[in-house]
Amino acid sequence: MILIGMLDSPYVRRVAIGMKVLGLEYEHRPLSVFSDFDQVQAINPAVKVPTLVTGDGQVLMDSTLILAYLEELAADAPRIRPEPGPARLRALCQTSYALAACDKAVQIVYERRLRPQEKQHQPWLDRVQLQLHGAWRQLDASLREEAPDCLSIAGITIAVAWSFARQMVPDVMAAGDYPAVAALTALAERQPVFLATPMAG
């Protein structure tokens, strides 16, 4: 299998860490949808990362769909999601808020880096930041009640999203704003699979 995308994308990093936790071997091609547009387009006409090229040459995208496929593929590996029931639902809810926060952080990065300053729309940025904080606030409260294993899909997603947001938009939120999220991330980022898959990679 081939994983396409740069590890500075939280979605690519999420999949890469998940693959390592599941014990799946893969080739990583760190191509950028910006600087390597044509190369990515030749593999995936939608030019979207992460892209996974399966063993039989099929192209799959979207980190959640990729991870669902990989978990089925690694049937004998330790589960990275709870069994169906209340624990699974809690993990899905936590994952959904982490992905929402991640999406909003990416929107802020794109608005600031890809749009000229004179064309940036502050009311839109204010709205996105409100959504970002809403997601983190809800997630932090959930983690104080019960935190997932840091190597589960929920734990990986939360840690990757928080690390991305803190590195890319540090002025939007302080490290101490959401202590439960920060604590889970600190634990996760010390794990060998995280250390072997750095954001800067």
Protein backbone atom coordinates (compact mmCIF):
# COMPACT_ATOMS: atom_id res chain seq x y z
CA MET A 1 0.00 0.00 0.00
CA ILE A 2 1.06 3.57 -0.66
CA LEU A 3 0.10 6.55 1.49
CA ILE A 4 0.22 9.87 -0.34
CA GLY A 5 0.54 13.18 1.50
CA MET A 6 2.71 15.27 3.77
CA LEU A 7 2.78 14.66 7.51
CA ASP A 8 2.14 18.35 8.13
CA SER A 9 -1.43 17.48 7.14
CA PRO A 10 -3.18 16.27 10.31
CA TYR A 11 -5.31 13.95 8.21
CA VAL A 12 -2.31 12.29 6.60
CA ARG A 13 -0.55 12.02 9.96
CA ARG A 14 -3.68 10.52 11.51
CA VAL A 15 -3.71 7.74 8.91
CA ALA A 16 0.06 7.15 9.10
CA ILE A 17 -0.04 6.70 12.87
CA GLY A 18 -3.11 4.49 12.61
CA MET A 19 -1.34 2.24 10.11
CA LYS A 20 1.61 1.85 12.46
CA VAL A 21 -0.63 1.03 15.41
CA LEU A 22 -2.36 -1.59 13.26
CA GLY A 23 1.00 -3.03 12.22
CA LEU A 24 0.41 -2.45 8.51
CA GLU A 25 3.37 -1.95 6.20
CA TYR A 26 3.15 0.83 3.65
CA GLU A 27 5.19 3.11 1.45
CA HIS A 28 4.91 6.80 2.29
CA ARG A 29 5.17 9.32 -0.54
CA PRO A 30 5.28 12.79 1.04
CA LEU A 31 3.73 14.71 -1.85
CA SER A 32 2.14 18.13 -1.41
CA VAL A 33 -1.14 19.10 -3.04
CA PHE A 34 0.44 22.52 -3.55
CA SER A 35 4.04 22.02 -4.68
CA ASP A 36 3.48 18.52 -6.15
CA PHE A 37 0.02 19.13 -7.62
CA ASP A 38 0.66 17.35 -10.93
CA GLN A 39 2.17 14.29 -9.25
CA VAL A 40 -0.75 13.97 -6.86
CA GLN A 41 -3.23 14.53 -9.70
CA ALA A 42 -1.65 11.68 -11.66
CA ILE A 43 -2.43 9.36 -8.74
CA ASN A 44 -5.72 10.88 -7.60
CA PRO A 45 -7.57 13.18 -10.03
CA ALA A 46 -9.34 14.82 -7.07
CA VAL A 47 -5.91 15.98 -5.76
CA LYS A 48 -6.86 15.26 -2.16
CA VAL A 49 -4.74 13.88 0.66
CA PRO A 50 -4.50 11.56 2.36
CA THR A 51 -4.76 9.23 -0.59
CA LEU A 52 -4.24 5.52 -0.07
CA VAL A 53 -3.36 3.33 -3.03
CA THR A 54 -4.43 -0.17 -2.05
CA GLY A 55 -2.54 -3.35 -2.79
CA ASP A 56 -4.63 -3.93 -5.91
CA GLY A 57 -4.22 -0.35 -7.14
CA GLN A 58 -7.51 1.19 -6.03
CA VAL A 59 -7.47 4.78 -4.80
CA LEU A 60 -9.15 5.65 -1.50
CA MET A 61 -9.32 9.06 0.14
CA ASP A 62 -10.68 10.69 3.32
CA SER A 63 -8.87 9.78 6.51
CA THR A 64 -11.94 8.33 8.24
CA LEU A 65 -12.79 6.06 5.31
CA ILE A 66 -9.17 5.00 4.95
CA LEU A 67 -8.92 4.08 8.64
CA ALA A 68 -12.17 2.12 8.49
CA TYR A 69 -10.80 0.13 5.54
CA LEU A 70 -7.45 -0.44 7.24
CA GLU A 71 -9.07 -1.67 10.44
CA GLU A 72 -10.96 -4.28 8.41
CA LEU A 73 -7.74 -5.19 6.61
CA ALA A 74 -5.86 -5.70 9.88
CA ALA A 75 -8.47 -8.00 11.36
CA ASP A 76 -5.96 -9.75 13.64
CA ALA A 77 -4.46 -6.53 15.01
CA PRO A 78 -5.55 -4.95 18.30
CA ARG A 79 -8.74 -2.94 17.83
CA ILE A 80 -8.32 0.81 17.65
CA ARG A 81 -12.02 1.41 18.27
CA PRO A 82 -14.18 0.08 21.11
CA GLU A 83 -16.69 -2.65 20.38
CA PRO A 84 -20.18 -1.44 19.38
CA GLY A 85 -22.05 0.03 22.33
CA PRO A 86 -21.78 3.04 24.66
CA ALA A 87 -17.96 3.11 24.57
CA ARG A 88 -17.96 3.11 20.75
CA LEU A 89 -20.47 5.96 20.68
CA ARG A 90 -18.38 8.01 23.12
CA ALA A 91 -15.29 7.44 20.97
CA LEU A 92 -17.18 8.47 17.84
CA CYS A 93 -18.43 11.64 19.53
CA GLN A 94 -14.93 12.54 20.73
CA THR A 95 -13.48 11.81 17.29
CA SER A 96 -16.12 13.95 15.60
CA TYR A 97 -15.33 16.97 17.79
CA ALA A 98 -11.60 16.51 17.21
CA LEU A 99 -12.15 16.39 13.45
CA ALA A 100 -14.37 19.47 13.62
CA ALA A 101 -11.66 21.37 15.51
CA CYS A 102 -9.09 20.16 13.01
CA ASP A 103 -11.21 21.33 10.07
CA LYS A 104 -11.57 24.78 11.60
CA ALA A 105 -7.84 25.08 12.30
CA VAL A 106 -7.13 24.16 8.68
CA GLN A 107 -9.62 26.81 7.49
CA ILE A 108 -7.81 29.47 9.53
CA VAL A 109 -4.45 28.39 8.12
CA TYR A 110 -5.76 28.52 4.55
CA GLU A 111 -7.41 31.90 5.06
CA ARG A 112 -4.22 33.39 6.45
CA ARG A 113 -1.67 31.74 4.16
CA LEU A 114 -3.44 31.46 0.83
CA ARG A 115 -5.51 34.63 0.75
CA PRO A 116 -3.88 38.09 0.56
CA GLN A 117 -4.31 40.00 3.81
CA GLU A 118 -6.45 42.68 2.19
CA LYS A 119 -8.87 39.98 1.01
CA GLN A 120 -9.15 38.15 4.31
CA HIS A 121 -12.62 38.40 5.82
CA GLN A 122 -12.37 38.96 9.57
CA PRO A 123 -16.04 38.18 10.35
CA TRP A 124 -15.51 34.79 8.70
CA LEU A 125 -12.33 34.19 10.70
CA ASP A 126 -14.16 35.19 13.89
CA ARG A 127 -16.90 32.68 13.11
CA VAL A 128 -14.42 29.89 12.40
CA GLN A 129 -12.53 30.62 15.62
CA LEU A 130 -15.81 30.49 17.55
CA GLN A 131 -16.50 27.06 16.07
CA LEU A 132 -12.94 25.95 16.82
CA HIS A 133 -13.23 26.89 20.48
CA GLY A 134 -16.68 25.33 20.71
CA ALA A 135 -15.32 22.00 19.52
CA TRP A 136 -12.33 22.07 21.89
CA ARG A 137 -14.49 23.12 24.83
CA GLN A 138 -16.92 20.25 24.31
CA LEU A 139 -14.10 17.79 23.77
CA ASP A 140 -12.20 18.93 26.85
CA ALA A 141 -15.31 18.41 28.99
CA SER A 142 -15.78 14.93 27.52
CA LEU A 143 -12.17 13.98 28.23
CA ARG A 144 -12.51 15.05 31.85
CA GLU A 145 -15.31 12.50 32.17
CA GLU A 146 -13.50 9.71 30.32
CA ALA A 147 -10.44 9.89 28.09
CA PRO A 148 -9.78 7.34 25.34
CA ASP A 149 -6.63 5.29 24.96
CA CYS A 150 -4.14 7.58 23.25
CA LEU A 151 -3.51 4.90 20.59
CA SER A 152 -7.19 4.47 19.71
CA ILE A 153 -8.66 6.27 16.70
CA ALA A 154 -10.20 8.82 19.06
CA GLY A 155 -6.93 9.36 20.94
CA ILE A 156 -4.86 9.60 17.77
CA THR A 157 -7.30 12.06 16.20
CA ILE A 158 -7.46 14.30 19.27
CA ALA A 159 -3.68 14.41 19.66
CA VAL A 160 -2.96 15.01 15.99
CA ALA A 161 -5.58 17.76 15.76
CA TRP A 162 -4.35 19.53 18.92
CA SER A 163 -0.68 19.35 17.89
CA PHE A 164 -1.56 20.75 14.47
CA ALA A 165 -3.64 23.60 15.87
CA ARG A 166 -1.08 24.54 18.51
CA GLN A 167 1.72 24.61 15.93
CA MET A 168 -0.13 26.32 13.11
CA VAL A 169 -2.44 28.78 14.90
CA PRO A 170 -0.89 29.22 18.36
CA ASP A 171 -2.31 32.73 18.70
CA VAL A 172 -5.88 31.45 18.49
CA MET A 173 -5.73 29.35 21.66
CA ALA A 174 -3.35 29.07 24.58
CA ALA A 175 -1.81 25.78 25.67
CA GLY A 176 -3.67 25.97 28.97
CA ASP A 177 -7.11 26.68 27.52
CA TYR A 178 -8.07 23.01 27.28
CA PRO A 179 -5.97 21.09 29.82
CA ALA A 180 -7.55 17.67 29.32
CA VAL A 181 -6.91 17.83 25.58
CA ALA A 182 -3.37 19.05 26.17
CA ALA A 183 -2.67 16.26 28.68
CA LEU A 184 -3.89 13.51 26.34
CA THR A 185 -1.83 14.99 23.51
CA ALA A 186 1.31 15.17 25.64
CA LEU A 187 0.92 11.49 26.51
CA ALA A 188 0.27 10.51 22.90
CA GLU A 189 3.16 12.49 21.47
CA ARG A 190 5.56 10.53 23.72
CA GLN A 191 4.49 7.20 22.22
CA PRO A 192 6.94 5.54 19.77
CA VAL A 193 4.45 5.56 16.88
CA PHE A 194 3.94 9.31 17.29
CA LEU A 195 7.67 9.98 17.65
CA ALA A 196 8.26 7.97 14.47
CA THR A 197 5.63 10.03 12.63
CA PRO A 198 6.45 13.67 13.40
CA MET A 199 4.32 16.46 12.05
CA ALA A 200 7.34 18.10 10.48
CA GLY A 201 8.10 14.89 8.58
